[in-house]
Amino acid sequence: SQRQSLAQFAQLLYATGMHNCFYCSKSLHTSHVDHFIPWSYMQSDDLWNFVLACVSCNTKKSNKIAAERFLYALLERNDTLLQREQYAPQFAHYSEQKLVDLYQYSQLNGFPDNWSPQLS
C-alpha cells in the first residue's frame, strides 16, 4: 500500500484539543501524526490508531511498539473521542478489544516493543 498524507488527521487531532506530544507531553510546535500500531504492521489510516507526536518521539519510535502504558492512554483517549458525536464516523470499525489485539499481535510478530521516550 502507498502511504497517504496525514495532514487532515493532524488538523482533526488538533481540533480535539490535543496540543501536546502523546509520548513525552511536550507542547507541540511542529508535530507528526504517528501510527500507534506501526503502519508497516497495520497498513490502514484510522483516527483511533493516530496520535500527535513531537518530531523527536516520532522519529525515535519509528517502527516500534510503545510501552503498554501508552496503549492504556490511547484507549482512554479513544473513549473520550467516542463520546463526541462528530467523531463517530471515524470509529466505525473500532473496538477496544481490536486495538488491544493488534497491539499484542504486533508484539508476537516481532515488532520491537516497550519503546518509551527518554525524558530529560
Protein backbone atom coordinates (compact mmCIF):
# COMPACT_ATOMS: atom_id res chain seq x y z
CA SER A 1 0.00 0.00 0.00
CA GLN A 2 1.06 3.54 -0.62
CA ARG A 3 1.12 5.93 2.29
CA GLN A 4 -1.18 8.94 2.17
CA SER A 5 -0.72 12.43 3.58
CA LEU A 6 -1.79 12.55 7.21
CA ALA A 7 -2.27 16.33 7.31
CA GLN A 8 -6.05 16.02 7.59
CA PHE A 9 -5.63 13.81 10.65
CA ALA A 10 -3.22 16.29 12.24
CA GLN A 11 -5.85 19.00 11.88
CA LEU A 12 -8.53 16.71 13.25
CA LEU A 13 -6.42 15.78 16.28
CA TYR A 14 -5.54 19.41 16.93
CA ALA A 15 -9.25 20.24 16.77
CA THR A 16 -9.93 17.72 19.55
CA GLY A 17 -7.71 19.79 21.83
CA MET A 18 -4.57 17.69 21.60
CA HIS A 19 -1.66 20.10 21.63
CA ASN A 20 1.00 18.04 23.40
CA CYS A 21 3.10 15.09 22.32
CA PHE A 22 1.27 11.88 23.17
CA TYR A 23 4.51 10.31 24.36
CA CYS A 24 6.58 12.98 26.13
CA SER A 25 3.85 15.58 26.78
CA LYS A 26 5.90 18.45 25.39
CA SER A 27 3.96 21.27 23.80
CA LEU A 28 3.78 20.78 20.05
CA HIS A 29 5.17 23.46 17.79
CA THR A 30 5.81 21.05 14.95
CA SER A 31 4.17 17.68 15.09
CA HIS A 32 3.93 14.40 13.30
CA VAL A 33 0.95 12.11 13.12
CA ASP A 34 2.14 8.78 14.46
CA HIS A 35 0.57 5.41 13.77
CA PHE A 36 0.44 3.97 17.29
CA ILE A 37 0.40 0.46 15.83
CA PRO A 38 3.07 0.86 13.13
CA TRP A 39 1.85 1.39 9.60
CA SER A 40 4.15 -1.39 8.41
CA TYR A 41 2.09 -3.82 10.53
CA MET A 42 -1.39 -2.39 10.02
CA GLN A 43 -1.46 -0.56 6.69
CA SER A 44 -4.51 1.47 7.47
CA ASP A 45 -5.06 5.11 8.34
CA ASP A 46 -7.59 5.22 11.16
CA LEU A 47 -8.10 8.05 13.64
CA TRP A 48 -8.28 5.58 16.51
CA ASN A 49 -4.69 4.49 15.74
CA PHE A 50 -3.26 8.02 15.38
CA VAL A 51 -1.59 10.21 17.94
CA LEU A 52 0.23 13.51 17.65
CA ALA A 53 3.90 13.21 18.46
CA CYS A 54 6.79 15.61 18.52
CA VAL A 55 9.34 15.14 15.77
CA SER A 56 11.85 13.63 18.20
CA CYS A 57 9.48 10.99 19.63
CA ASN A 58 8.04 10.03 16.27
CA THR A 59 11.49 9.63 14.74
CA LYS A 60 12.83 7.61 17.67
CA LYS A 61 9.74 5.43 17.97
CA SER A 62 9.88 4.69 14.27
CA ASN A 63 8.65 1.13 13.67
CA LYS A 64 8.42 0.15 17.32
CA ILE A 65 5.57 -0.60 19.69
CA ALA A 66 5.17 1.89 22.52
CA ALA A 67 5.20 0.73 26.12
CA GLU A 68 1.94 -0.69 27.42
CA ARG A 69 1.10 2.43 29.45
CA PHE A 70 0.66 4.28 26.15
CA LEU A 71 -1.83 1.66 24.97
CA TYR A 72 -3.99 2.41 28.01
CA ALA A 73 -3.65 6.15 27.39
CA LEU A 74 -4.77 5.64 23.79
CA LEU A 75 -7.75 3.52 24.87
CA GLU A 76 -8.75 6.32 27.23
CA ARG A 77 -8.28 8.97 24.55
CA ASN A 78 -10.36 6.96 22.10
CA ASP A 79 -13.10 6.55 24.69
CA THR A 80 -13.17 10.33 25.08
CA LEU A 81 -13.45 10.84 21.32
CA LEU A 82 -16.20 8.25 21.06
CA GLN A 83 -18.27 10.40 23.43
CA ARG A 84 -18.24 13.17 20.79
CA GLU A 85 -20.79 12.58 18.07
CA GLN A 86 -18.77 14.30 15.34
CA TYR A 87 -16.03 11.64 15.59
CA ALA A 88 -18.33 8.60 15.48
CA PRO A 89 -17.82 8.01 11.71
CA GLN A 90 -14.05 7.78 12.31
CA PHE A 91 -14.65 4.93 14.76
CA ALA A 92 -16.99 2.82 12.64
CA HIS A 93 -14.66 -0.21 12.69
CA TYR A 94 -13.14 0.34 16.12
CA SER A 95 -13.35 -1.60 19.34
CA GLU A 96 -11.10 -1.51 22.38
CA GLN A 97 -10.55 -5.24 22.02
CA LYS A 98 -9.45 -4.82 18.40
CA LEU A 99 -6.81 -2.27 19.42
CA VAL A 100 -5.58 -4.45 22.28
CA ASP A 101 -5.42 -7.49 19.98
CA LEU A 102 -3.49 -5.55 17.31
CA TYR A 103 -1.06 -4.35 19.97
CA GLN A 104 -0.46 -7.88 21.23
CA TYR A 105 -0.28 -9.43 17.74
CA SER A 106 2.28 -6.88 16.60
CA GLN A 107 4.46 -7.81 19.57
CA LEU A 108 4.08 -11.50 18.77
CA ASN A 109 5.06 -10.80 15.16
CA GLY A 110 8.44 -9.42 16.08
CA PHE A 111 7.90 -5.67 16.28
CA PRO A 112 10.24 -4.22 18.90
CA ASP A 113 8.17 -3.27 21.92
CA ASN A 114 8.28 -1.28 25.14
CA TRP A 115 9.53 1.90 23.47
CA SER A 116 9.35 4.98 25.69
CA PRO A 117 10.82 8.43 25.24
CA GLN A 118 13.90 9.20 27.28
CA LEU A 119 12.74 12.15 29.32
CA SER A 120 15.38 14.64 30.35
